[in-house]
Amino acid sequence: MTKPVSPQDVIPILLEGFTFEGFRMSSVEKILVDTGYDPNLAKALFPDGLAQVAREISVYFDIQMKAELSKLNPEEYRIRDRVKKGVEIRLKFFNPHKESLRNITQYWLKPWSGGIGAKSLWKTSDIIWEWAGDTATDYNRYTKRSLLCGVLASTILYWLQDDSPKHIKTVGFLDRRIENVLQIGKVMGRFKKPA
């Protein structure tokens, strides 16, 4: 009996194909057919269309990032370095798929994408902060995740344009963005109302 195919099973194949085919639903169908899958599989796996494909791609990288972070002890890092490590690991898994992700990011930025990019960034941010040890349930939780979403978004956009060796410019950009966020956090902390 053939094992059922899940969306996550085909994401690596799609990421390879999007480099050449672009990020379109017709590309999903073509890539899967060219790989030997049934012509109807694309619609069966992704009934919500391209938005679902985009969500599944983000989940794919979240799973890899979470597994990598689980091998590390956050107590060995300062808070700022925990956050930086999470973003760096995310980019590490992005690196082999830069052209595909360039195409996918263009979709995420479209007004009709349904906020897929923002929702995906929030989930990624949540995973990083939970690994970093943040268990807050008050407004602090949302502030930290919102700020990290901004760091992730700007760093990914910078990384897409970075052609420096080992993306060294992106590392510097990430350091500056985290420093900015820490300064914002300090200012906001001064205005925090007593519980």
N, C-alpha and C. Protein backbone atom coordinates (compact mmCIF):
# COMPACT_ATOMS: atom_id res chain seq x y z
N MET A 1 0.84 -1.20 0.00
CA MET A 1 0.00 0.00 0.00
C MET A 1 0.88 1.26 0.00
N THR A 2 0.58 2.20 -0.89
CA THR A 2 1.37 3.42 -1.00
C THR A 2 1.07 4.37 0.14
N LYS A 3 2.12 4.90 0.74
CA LYS A 3 1.97 5.84 1.84
C LYS A 3 1.37 7.15 1.31
N PRO A 4 0.33 7.67 1.99
CA PRO A 4 -0.27 8.94 1.55
C PRO A 4 0.76 10.06 1.54
N VAL A 5 0.63 10.95 0.59
CA VAL A 5 1.54 12.08 0.48
C VAL A 5 0.93 13.28 1.21
N SER A 6 1.74 13.94 2.03
CA SER A 6 1.28 15.13 2.75
C SER A 6 1.89 16.37 2.10
N PRO A 7 1.34 17.55 2.39
CA PRO A 7 1.94 18.78 1.85
C PRO A 7 3.42 18.91 2.19
N GLN A 8 3.79 18.56 3.45
CA GLN A 8 5.18 18.68 3.85
C GLN A 8 6.11 17.76 3.07
N ASP A 9 5.58 16.64 2.56
CA ASP A 9 6.40 15.71 1.79
C ASP A 9 6.90 16.33 0.49
N VAL A 10 6.12 17.23 -0.08
CA VAL A 10 6.47 17.76 -1.42
C VAL A 10 7.11 19.16 -1.36
N ILE A 11 7.14 19.77 -0.18
CA ILE A 11 7.71 21.12 -0.10
C ILE A 11 9.17 21.17 -0.59
N PRO A 12 10.06 20.23 -0.21
CA PRO A 12 11.43 20.29 -0.73
C PRO A 12 11.48 20.27 -2.26
N ILE A 13 10.62 19.47 -2.87
CA ILE A 13 10.56 19.40 -4.33
C ILE A 13 10.11 20.73 -4.92
N LEU A 14 9.11 21.32 -4.30
CA LEU A 14 8.58 22.59 -4.78
C LEU A 14 9.62 23.71 -4.65
N LEU A 15 10.33 23.71 -3.53
CA LEU A 15 11.35 24.74 -3.33
C LEU A 15 12.42 24.69 -4.42
N GLU A 16 12.77 23.49 -4.82
CA GLU A 16 13.74 23.35 -5.92
C GLU A 16 13.15 23.88 -7.22
N GLY A 17 11.91 23.51 -7.47
CA GLY A 17 11.26 23.89 -8.72
C GLY A 17 10.95 25.36 -8.86
N PHE A 18 10.61 26.01 -7.75
CA PHE A 18 10.24 27.43 -7.81
C PHE A 18 11.40 28.30 -8.27
N THR A 19 12.62 27.80 -8.15
CA THR A 19 13.78 28.54 -8.62
C THR A 19 13.65 28.85 -10.11
N PHE A 20 13.09 27.90 -10.85
CA PHE A 20 13.00 28.03 -12.30
C PHE A 20 11.59 28.35 -12.79
N GLU A 21 10.59 27.92 -12.04
CA GLU A 21 9.20 28.02 -12.51
C GLU A 21 8.45 29.25 -11.98
N GLY A 22 8.99 29.90 -10.96
CA GLY A 22 8.24 31.00 -10.36
C GLY A 22 7.21 30.47 -9.38
N PHE A 23 6.67 31.37 -8.57
CA PHE A 23 5.74 30.97 -7.52
C PHE A 23 4.30 31.20 -7.98
N ARG A 24 3.75 30.18 -8.64
CA ARG A 24 2.38 30.20 -9.14
C ARG A 24 1.76 28.83 -8.93
N MET A 25 0.44 28.76 -8.87
CA MET A 25 -0.21 27.47 -8.68
C MET A 25 0.05 26.56 -9.88
N SER A 26 0.12 27.14 -11.06
CA SER A 26 0.42 26.33 -12.24
C SER A 26 1.82 25.73 -12.13
N SER A 27 2.72 26.44 -11.46
CA SER A 27 4.07 25.91 -11.25
C SER A 27 4.04 24.72 -10.30
N VAL A 28 3.21 24.81 -9.26
CA VAL A 28 3.07 23.70 -8.30
C VAL A 28 2.63 22.46 -9.06
N GLU A 29 1.62 22.60 -9.90
CA GLU A 29 1.10 21.46 -10.67
C GLU A 29 2.17 20.90 -11.59
N LYS A 30 2.87 21.79 -12.30
CA LYS A 30 3.91 21.34 -13.25
C LYS A 30 5.05 20.62 -12.54
N ILE A 31 5.53 21.21 -11.43
CA ILE A 31 6.65 20.61 -10.70
C ILE A 31 6.30 19.20 -10.22
N LEU A 32 5.09 19.05 -9.67
CA LEU A 32 4.69 17.74 -9.15
C LEU A 32 4.51 16.72 -10.29
N VAL A 33 3.93 17.15 -11.37
CA VAL A 33 3.75 16.25 -12.52
C VAL A 33 5.11 15.84 -13.08
N ASP A 34 6.02 16.82 -13.21
CA ASP A 34 7.36 16.53 -13.74
C ASP A 34 8.14 15.59 -12.84
N THR A 35 7.76 15.57 -11.54
CA THR A 35 8.44 14.70 -10.58
C THR A 35 7.82 13.30 -10.58
N GLY A 36 6.69 13.15 -11.28
CA GLY A 36 6.07 11.83 -11.37
C GLY A 36 4.79 11.66 -10.59
N TYR A 37 4.29 12.74 -10.01
CA TYR A 37 3.05 12.65 -9.23
C TYR A 37 1.83 12.79 -10.14
N ASP A 38 0.71 12.37 -9.61
CA ASP A 38 -0.57 12.46 -10.32
C ASP A 38 -0.90 13.93 -10.60
N PRO A 39 -1.45 14.24 -11.77
CA PRO A 39 -1.80 15.62 -12.12
C PRO A 39 -2.78 16.29 -11.15
N ASN A 40 -3.56 15.48 -10.44
CA ASN A 40 -4.55 16.04 -9.52
C ASN A 40 -4.01 16.26 -8.10
N LEU A 41 -2.75 15.88 -7.87
CA LEU A 41 -2.22 15.94 -6.51
C LEU A 41 -2.12 17.37 -5.98
N ALA A 42 -1.74 18.30 -6.83
CA ALA A 42 -1.57 19.69 -6.38
C ALA A 42 -2.85 20.23 -5.76
N LYS A 43 -3.97 20.02 -6.44
CA LYS A 43 -5.25 20.51 -5.92
C LYS A 43 -5.68 19.73 -4.68
N ALA A 44 -5.32 18.46 -4.61
CA ALA A 44 -5.69 17.64 -3.45
C ALA A 44 -4.91 18.06 -2.21
N LEU A 45 -3.63 18.37 -2.39
CA LEU A 45 -2.78 18.76 -1.25
C LEU A 45 -3.01 20.21 -0.83
N PHE A 46 -3.30 21.05 -1.82
CA PHE A 46 -3.42 22.49 -1.54
C PHE A 46 -4.76 23.03 -2.05
N PRO A 47 -5.86 22.59 -1.44
CA PRO A 47 -7.18 23.03 -1.91
C PRO A 47 -7.39 24.55 -1.78
N ASP A 48 -6.64 25.19 -0.88
CA ASP A 48 -6.76 26.65 -0.71
C ASP A 48 -5.82 27.41 -1.63
N GLY A 49 -5.16 26.69 -2.53
CA GLY A 49 -4.33 27.33 -3.52
C GLY A 49 -2.98 27.80 -3.02
N LEU A 50 -2.48 28.87 -3.65
CA LEU A 50 -1.13 29.36 -3.40
C LEU A 50 -0.93 29.82 -1.96
N ALA A 51 -1.98 30.36 -1.34
CA ALA A 51 -1.87 30.79 0.05
C ALA A 51 -1.50 29.62 0.95
N GLN A 52 -2.09 28.47 0.68
CA GLN A 52 -1.78 27.28 1.49
C GLN A 52 -0.36 26.81 1.22
N VAL A 53 0.09 26.90 -0.02
CA VAL A 53 1.46 26.52 -0.35
C VAL A 53 2.44 27.40 0.44
N ALA A 54 2.16 28.70 0.46
CA ALA A 54 3.03 29.64 1.18
C ALA A 54 3.06 29.31 2.67
N ARG A 55 1.91 29.00 3.24
CA ARG A 55 1.86 28.64 4.67
C ARG A 55 2.66 27.40 4.95
N GLU A 56 2.51 26.39 4.10
CA GLU A 56 3.22 25.12 4.30
C GLU A 56 4.73 25.28 4.17
N ILE A 57 5.16 26.18 3.30
CA ILE A 57 6.59 26.44 3.16
C ILE A 57 7.14 27.03 4.44
N SER A 58 6.40 27.97 5.03
CA SER A 58 6.85 28.55 6.29
C SER A 58 6.88 27.51 7.39
N VAL A 59 5.88 26.65 7.43
CA VAL A 59 5.84 25.56 8.42
C VAL A 59 7.05 24.65 8.24
N TYR A 60 7.40 24.36 7.00
CA TYR A 60 8.55 23.51 6.68
C TYR A 60 9.83 24.07 7.32
N PHE A 61 10.05 25.37 7.16
CA PHE A 61 11.24 25.98 7.75
C PHE A 61 11.12 26.10 9.27
N ASP A 62 9.91 26.31 9.77
CA ASP A 62 9.71 26.34 11.23
C ASP A 62 10.10 25.01 11.86
N ILE A 63 9.71 23.92 11.22
CA ILE A 63 10.02 22.59 11.75
C ILE A 63 11.54 22.38 11.81
N GLN A 64 12.23 22.76 10.74
CA GLN A 64 13.70 22.61 10.71
C GLN A 64 14.36 23.49 11.77
N MET A 65 13.90 24.74 11.84
CA MET A 65 14.49 25.68 12.80
C MET A 65 14.27 25.20 14.23
N LYS A 66 13.07 24.75 14.53
CA LYS A 66 12.76 24.30 15.88
C LYS A 66 13.60 23.10 16.26
N ALA A 67 13.79 22.17 15.32
CA ALA A 67 14.61 20.98 15.59
C ALA A 67 16.06 21.38 15.87
N GLU A 68 16.57 22.34 15.11
CA GLU A 68 17.96 22.80 15.31
C GLU A 68 18.11 23.52 16.64
N LEU A 69 17.14 24.36 16.98
CA LEU A 69 17.20 25.09 18.25
C LEU A 69 17.13 24.13 19.44
N SER A 70 16.39 23.05 19.28
CA SER A 70 16.23 22.10 20.38
C SER A 70 17.55 21.42 20.76
N LYS A 71 18.53 21.48 19.86
CA LYS A 71 19.84 20.89 20.14
C LYS A 71 20.72 21.83 20.97
N LEU A 72 20.28 23.08 21.10
CA LEU A 72 21.09 24.09 21.79
C LEU A 72 20.49 24.41 23.16
N ASN A 73 21.36 24.77 24.09
CA ASN A 73 20.92 25.17 25.42
C ASN A 73 20.84 26.69 25.48
N PRO A 74 19.63 27.24 25.53
CA PRO A 74 19.52 28.71 25.52
C PRO A 74 20.21 29.38 26.70
N GLU A 75 20.39 28.64 27.80
CA GLU A 75 21.04 29.22 28.97
C GLU A 75 22.50 29.59 28.72
N GLU A 76 23.06 29.08 27.64
CA GLU A 76 24.45 29.39 27.31
C GLU A 76 24.59 30.72 26.57
N TYR A 77 23.46 31.36 26.27
CA TYR A 77 23.48 32.61 25.52
C TYR A 77 22.78 33.73 26.29
N ARG A 78 23.23 34.96 26.05
CA ARG A 78 22.47 36.11 26.54
C ARG A 78 21.16 36.19 25.76
N ILE A 79 20.18 36.92 26.29
CA ILE A 79 18.88 37.02 25.62
C ILE A 79 19.03 37.50 24.18
N ARG A 80 19.78 38.56 24.00
CA ARG A 80 19.94 39.12 22.64
C ARG A 80 20.57 38.09 21.71
N ASP A 81 21.50 37.26 22.24
CA ASP A 81 22.16 36.26 21.41
C ASP A 81 21.24 35.07 21.11
N ARG A 82 20.30 34.82 22.02
CA ARG A 82 19.30 33.77 21.75
C ARG A 82 18.44 34.17 20.56
N VAL A 83 18.00 35.41 20.57
CA VAL A 83 17.17 35.91 19.47
C VAL A 83 17.97 35.89 18.17
N LYS A 84 19.21 36.35 18.24
CA LYS A 84 20.06 36.37 17.05
C LYS A 84 20.27 34.96 16.53
N LYS A 85 20.50 34.02 17.43
CA LYS A 85 20.74 32.63 17.03
C LYS A 85 19.52 32.07 16.29
N GLY A 86 18.33 32.38 16.81
CA GLY A 86 17.11 31.91 16.15
C GLY A 86 17.00 32.42 14.73
N VAL A 87 17.27 33.70 14.53
CA VAL A 87 17.19 34.29 13.19
C VAL A 87 18.27 33.71 12.29
N GLU A 88 19.46 33.54 12.83
CA GLU A 88 20.56 32.98 12.03
C GLU A 88 20.25 31.56 11.57
N ILE A 89 19.66 30.78 12.44
CA ILE A 89 19.31 29.40 12.07
C ILE A 89 18.22 29.40 11.00
N ARG A 90 17.28 30.32 11.13
CA ARG A 90 16.25 30.45 10.10
C ARG A 90 16.90 30.72 8.75
N LEU A 91 17.82 31.67 8.71
CA LEU A 91 18.49 32.01 7.46
C LEU A 91 19.38 30.87 6.95
N LYS A 92 19.94 30.11 7.86
CA LYS A 92 20.76 28.96 7.48
C LYS A 92 19.96 27.99 6.62
N PHE A 93 18.71 27.75 7.00
CA PHE A 93 17.88 26.83 6.22
C PHE A 93 17.32 27.50 4.97
N PHE A 94 17.25 28.82 4.99
CA PHE A 94 16.83 29.57 3.80
C PHE A 94 17.89 29.54 2.70
N ASN A 95 19.17 29.55 3.11
CA ASN A 95 20.27 29.77 2.17
C ASN A 95 20.24 28.93 0.89
N PRO A 96 19.96 27.63 0.95
CA PRO A 96 19.96 26.84 -0.30
C PRO A 96 18.80 27.18 -1.25
N HIS A 97 17.86 27.97 -0.78
CA HIS A 97 16.64 28.22 -1.57
C HIS A 97 16.41 29.70 -1.84
N LYS A 98 17.49 30.44 -1.99
CA LYS A 98 17.38 31.90 -2.06
C LYS A 98 16.52 32.37 -3.22
N GLU A 99 16.72 31.82 -4.40
CA GLU A 99 15.95 32.27 -5.56
C GLU A 99 14.47 31.94 -5.40
N SER A 100 14.18 30.76 -4.92
CA SER A 100 12.78 30.37 -4.68
C SER A 100 12.14 31.31 -3.67
N LEU A 101 12.85 31.60 -2.60
CA LEU A 101 12.31 32.46 -1.55
C LEU A 101 12.15 33.90 -2.02
N ARG A 102 12.96 34.30 -2.97
CA ARG A 102 12.78 35.63 -3.57
C ARG A 102 11.42 35.71 -4.26
N ASN A 103 11.10 34.65 -4.99
CA ASN A 103 9.80 34.59 -5.68
C ASN A 103 8.64 34.51 -4.68
N ILE A 104 8.82 33.71 -3.64
CA ILE A 104 7.76 33.53 -2.64
C ILE A 104 7.54 34.83 -1.86
N THR A 105 8.63 35.53 -1.53
CA THR A 105 8.52 36.78 -0.78
C THR A 105 7.73 37.83 -1.56
N GLN A 106 7.90 37.85 -2.86
CA GLN A 106 7.13 38.78 -3.69
C GLN A 106 5.64 38.50 -3.54
N TYR A 107 5.28 37.24 -3.42
CA TYR A 107 3.86 36.89 -3.22
C TYR A 107 3.40 37.36 -1.84
N TRP A 108 4.22 37.12 -0.81
CA TRP A 108 3.86 37.50 0.55
C TRP A 108 3.59 38.99 0.67
N LEU A 109 4.27 39.79 -0.14
CA LEU A 109 4.14 41.24 -0.05
C LEU A 109 2.93 41.78 -0.80
N LYS A 110 2.27 40.93 -1.59
CA LYS A 110 1.10 41.37 -2.34
C LYS A 110 -0.08 41.60 -1.39
N PRO A 111 -0.89 42.63 -1.64
CA PRO A 111 -2.04 42.90 -0.75
C PRO A 111 -3.07 41.78 -0.73
N TRP A 112 -3.13 40.99 -1.79
CA TRP A 112 -4.12 39.91 -1.84
C TRP A 112 -3.61 38.58 -1.26
N SER A 113 -2.44 38.61 -0.64
CA SER A 113 -1.90 37.36 -0.08
C SER A 113 -2.57 36.97 1.24
N GLY A 114 -3.44 37.84 1.73
CA GLY A 114 -4.18 37.51 2.96
C GLY A 114 -3.33 37.58 4.21
N GLY A 115 -2.24 38.34 4.15
CA GLY A 115 -1.39 38.49 5.33
C GLY A 115 -0.62 37.23 5.69
N ILE A 116 -0.43 36.34 4.70
CA ILE A 116 0.28 35.08 4.96
C ILE A 116 1.66 35.35 5.55
N GLY A 117 2.37 36.34 4.97
CA GLY A 117 3.71 36.63 5.45
C GLY A 117 3.72 37.05 6.91
N ALA A 118 2.80 37.95 7.28
CA ALA A 118 2.74 38.45 8.66
C ALA A 118 2.41 37.33 9.63
N LYS A 119 1.44 36.49 9.28
CA LYS A 119 1.04 35.40 10.17
C LYS A 119 2.16 34.37 10.32
N SER A 120 2.86 34.12 9.23
CA SER A 120 3.97 33.17 9.27
C SER A 120 5.12 33.71 10.11
N LEU A 121 5.41 35.01 9.95
CA LEU A 121 6.47 35.62 10.75
C LEU A 121 6.15 35.57 12.24
N TRP A 122 4.87 35.76 12.57
CA TRP A 122 4.46 35.72 13.98
C TRP A 122 4.73 34.33 14.56
N LYS A 123 4.38 33.29 13.81
CA LYS A 123 4.59 31.93 14.28
C LYS A 123 6.09 31.64 14.47
N THR A 124 6.89 32.08 13.52
CA THR A 124 8.33 31.90 13.62
C THR A 124 8.89 32.64 14.83
N SER A 125 8.44 33.88 15.01
CA SER A 125 8.86 34.69 16.15
C SER A 125 8.49 34.01 17.47
N ASP A 126 7.31 33.43 17.51
CA ASP A 126 6.84 32.75 18.72
C ASP A 126 7.73 31.57 19.06
N ILE A 127 8.12 30.81 18.05
CA ILE A 127 9.00 29.65 18.26
C ILE A 127 10.35 30.11 18.83
N ILE A 128 10.91 31.17 18.25
CA ILE A 128 12.21 31.67 18.71
C ILE A 128 12.13 32.15 20.15
N TRP A 129 11.09 32.93 20.47
CA TRP A 129 10.97 33.47 21.83
C TRP A 129 10.71 32.37 22.86
N GLU A 130 9.93 31.37 22.49
CA GLU A 130 9.68 30.27 23.43
C GLU A 130 10.97 29.52 23.71
N TRP A 131 11.78 29.28 22.66
CA TRP A 131 13.07 28.62 22.88
C TRP A 131 13.96 29.51 23.75
N ALA A 132 13.87 30.81 23.54
CA ALA A 132 14.70 31.74 24.30
C ALA A 132 14.27 31.85 25.76
N GLY A 133 13.12 31.25 26.10
CA GLY A 133 12.70 31.21 27.49
C GLY A 133 11.60 32.19 27.85
N ASP A 134 11.03 32.87 26.86
CA ASP A 134 9.97 33.84 27.17
C ASP A 134 8.64 33.12 27.32
N THR A 135 8.07 33.21 28.51
CA THR A 135 6.78 32.57 28.78
C THR A 135 5.74 33.60 29.22
N ALA A 136 6.02 34.87 28.97
CA ALA A 136 5.09 35.95 29.37
C ALA A 136 3.74 35.76 28.70
N THR A 137 2.70 36.14 29.41
CA THR A 137 1.35 36.05 28.86
C THR A 137 0.68 37.43 28.82
N ASP A 138 1.39 38.47 29.31
CA ASP A 138 0.82 39.81 29.30
C ASP A 138 1.19 40.53 28.00
N TYR A 139 1.04 41.85 28.01
CA TYR A 139 1.33 42.62 26.79
C TYR A 139 2.77 42.44 26.33
N ASN A 140 3.66 42.11 27.28
CA ASN A 140 5.07 41.89 26.95
C ASN A 140 5.26 40.83 25.88
N ARG A 141 4.45 39.77 25.97
CA ARG A 141 4.52 38.68 25.00
C ARG A 141 4.31 39.20 23.58
N TYR A 142 3.28 40.02 23.43
CA TYR A 142 2.93 40.52 22.10
C TYR A 142 3.92 41.58 21.62
N THR A 143 4.42 42.37 22.55
CA THR A 143 5.41 43.38 22.19
C THR A 143 6.68 42.72 21.66
N LYS A 144 7.17 41.72 22.39
CA LYS A 144 8.40 41.04 21.98
C LYS A 144 8.25 40.37 20.62
N ARG A 145 7.13 39.71 20.42
CA ARG A 145 6.92 39.00 19.16
C ARG A 145 6.73 39.97 18.00
N SER A 146 6.05 41.07 18.27
CA SER A 146 5.85 42.08 17.22
C SER A 146 7.19 42.67 16.79
N LEU A 147 8.03 42.99 17.78
CA LEU A 147 9.34 43.56 17.47
C LEU A 147 10.21 42.56 16.71
N LEU A 148 10.16 41.30 17.11
CA LEU A 148 10.96 40.29 16.42
C LEU A 148 10.43 40.06 15.00
N CYS A 149 9.13 40.16 14.81
CA CYS A 149 8.57 40.05 13.45
C CYS A 149 9.20 41.12 12.55
N GLY A 150 9.35 42.33 13.09
CA GLY A 150 9.98 43.39 12.33
C GLY A 150 11.43 43.08 12.00
N VAL A 151 12.14 42.52 12.97
CA VAL A 151 13.54 42.13 12.75
C VAL A 151 13.62 41.04 11.67
N LEU A 152 12.77 40.04 11.78
CA LEU A 152 12.76 38.95 10.80
C LEU A 152 12.47 39.46 9.40
N ALA A 153 11.43 40.28 9.28
CA ALA A 153 11.02 40.77 7.95
C ALA A 153 12.12 41.60 7.31
N SER A 154 12.66 42.56 8.05
CA SER A 154 13.69 43.43 7.47
C SER A 154 14.97 42.66 7.17
N THR A 155 15.32 41.71 8.05
CA THR A 155 16.56 40.94 7.83
C THR A 155 16.42 40.01 6.62
N ILE A 156 15.25 39.39 6.46
CA ILE A 156 15.04 38.51 5.30
C ILE A 156 15.11 39.32 4.01
N LEU A 157 14.48 40.50 3.99
CA LEU A 157 14.52 41.34 2.79
C LEU A 157 15.95 41.78 2.50
N TYR A 158 16.71 42.09 3.53
CA TYR A 158 18.11 42.48 3.34
C TYR A 158 18.92 41.29 2.81
N TRP A 159 18.70 40.13 3.41
CA TRP A 159 19.42 38.90 3.02
C TRP A 159 19.16 38.56 1.54
N LEU A 160 17.96 38.78 1.07
CA LEU A 160 17.63 38.47 -0.32
C LEU A 160 18.48 39.27 -1.31
N GLN A 161 18.92 40.46 -0.87
CA GLN A 161 19.72 41.32 -1.75
C GLN A 161 21.22 41.22 -1.46
N ASP A 162 21.59 40.46 -0.44
CA ASP A 162 22.98 40.41 0.01
C ASP A 162 23.77 39.37 -0.78
N ASP A 163 24.82 39.85 -1.46
CA ASP A 163 25.69 38.93 -2.21
C ASP A 163 27.10 38.88 -1.61
N SER A 164 27.23 39.34 -0.36
CA SER A 164 28.54 39.32 0.30
C SER A 164 28.91 37.89 0.70
N PRO A 165 30.21 37.60 0.83
CA PRO A 165 30.66 36.25 1.22
C PRO A 165 30.02 35.83 2.55
N LYS A 166 29.40 34.65 2.56
CA LYS A 166 28.75 34.10 3.75
C LYS A 166 27.71 35.06 4.35
N HIS A 167 27.19 35.94 3.49
CA HIS A 167 26.16 36.90 3.90
C HIS A 167 26.60 37.70 5.13
N ILE A 168 27.87 38.10 5.12
CA ILE A 168 28.42 38.82 6.27
C ILE A 168 27.72 40.15 6.49
N LYS A 169 27.26 40.78 5.41
CA LYS A 169 26.54 42.06 5.55
C LYS A 169 25.21 41.85 6.28
N THR A 170 24.57 40.72 6.02
CA THR A 170 23.30 40.42 6.69
C THR A 170 23.52 40.23 8.18
N VAL A 171 24.63 39.60 8.55
CA VAL A 171 24.96 39.40 9.97
C VAL A 171 25.08 40.76 10.67
N GLY A 172 25.78 41.69 10.02
CA GLY A 172 25.92 43.03 10.58
C GLY A 172 24.58 43.75 10.67
N PHE A 173 23.78 43.60 9.64
CA PHE A 173 22.45 44.22 9.63
C PHE A 173 21.60 43.67 10.77
N LEU A 174 21.64 42.36 10.96
CA LEU A 174 20.88 41.72 12.03
C LEU A 174 21.31 42.24 13.40
N ASP A 175 22.62 42.38 13.60
CA ASP A 175 23.13 42.92 14.87
C ASP A 175 22.56 44.31 15.14
N ARG A 176 22.55 45.15 14.10
CA ARG A 176 22.06 46.52 14.27
C ARG A 176 20.56 46.54 14.55
N ARG A 177 19.82 45.67 13.89
CA ARG A 177 18.36 45.62 14.09
C ARG A 177 18.04 45.16 15.51
N ILE A 178 18.77 44.17 16.01
CA ILE A 178 18.52 43.69 17.37
C ILE A 178 18.85 44.78 18.38
N GLU A 179 19.93 45.50 18.13
CA GLU A 179 20.31 46.60 19.02
C GLU A 179 19.20 47.67 19.04
N ASN A 180 18.65 47.98 17.87
CA ASN A 180 17.56 48.95 17.78
C ASN A 180 16.36 48.50 18.60
N VAL A 181 16.03 47.21 18.46
CA VAL A 181 14.87 46.66 19.16
C VAL A 181 15.07 46.70 20.67
N LEU A 182 16.30 46.40 21.11
CA LEU A 182 16.59 46.44 22.54
C LEU A 182 16.42 47.86 23.09
N GLN A 183 16.84 48.84 22.32
CA GLN A 183 16.69 50.23 22.74
C GLN A 183 15.21 50.62 22.82
N ILE A 184 14.43 50.16 21.83
CA ILE A 184 12.99 50.43 21.84
C ILE A 184 12.35 49.79 23.06
N GLY A 185 12.78 48.55 23.36
CA GLY A 185 12.24 47.83 24.52
C GLY A 185 12.50 48.57 25.82
N LYS A 186 13.70 49.16 25.94
CA LYS A 186 14.04 49.90 27.15
C LYS A 186 13.15 51.13 27.31
N VAL A 187 12.93 51.83 26.18
CA VAL A 187 12.09 53.02 26.22
C VAL A 187 10.66 52.65 26.58
N MET A 188 10.16 51.58 25.96
CA MET A 188 8.78 51.15 26.24
C MET A 188 8.63 50.71 27.68
N GLY A 189 9.70 50.09 28.23
CA GLY A 189 9.65 49.63 29.61
C GLY A 189 9.47 50.78 30.59
N ARG A 190 10.00 51.95 30.24
CA ARG A 190 9.87 53.11 31.12
C ARG A 190 8.44 53.61 31.20
N PHE A 191 7.69 53.33 30.11
CA PHE A 191 6.31 53.82 30.06
C PHE A 191 5.29 52.74 30.45
N LYS A 192 5.79 51.59 30.86
CA LYS A 192 4.89 50.50 31.25
C LYS A 192 4.10 50.89 32.49
N LYS A 193 2.80 50.73 32.42
CA LYS A 193 1.95 51.05 33.57
C LYS A 193 2.02 49.94 34.58
N PRO A 194 1.93 50.28 35.86
CA PRO A 194 1.91 49.23 36.90
C PRO A 194 0.72 48.30 36.70
N ALA A 195 0.91 47.02 36.97
CA ALA A 195 -0.18 46.07 36.80
C ALA A 195 -1.27 46.38 37.82
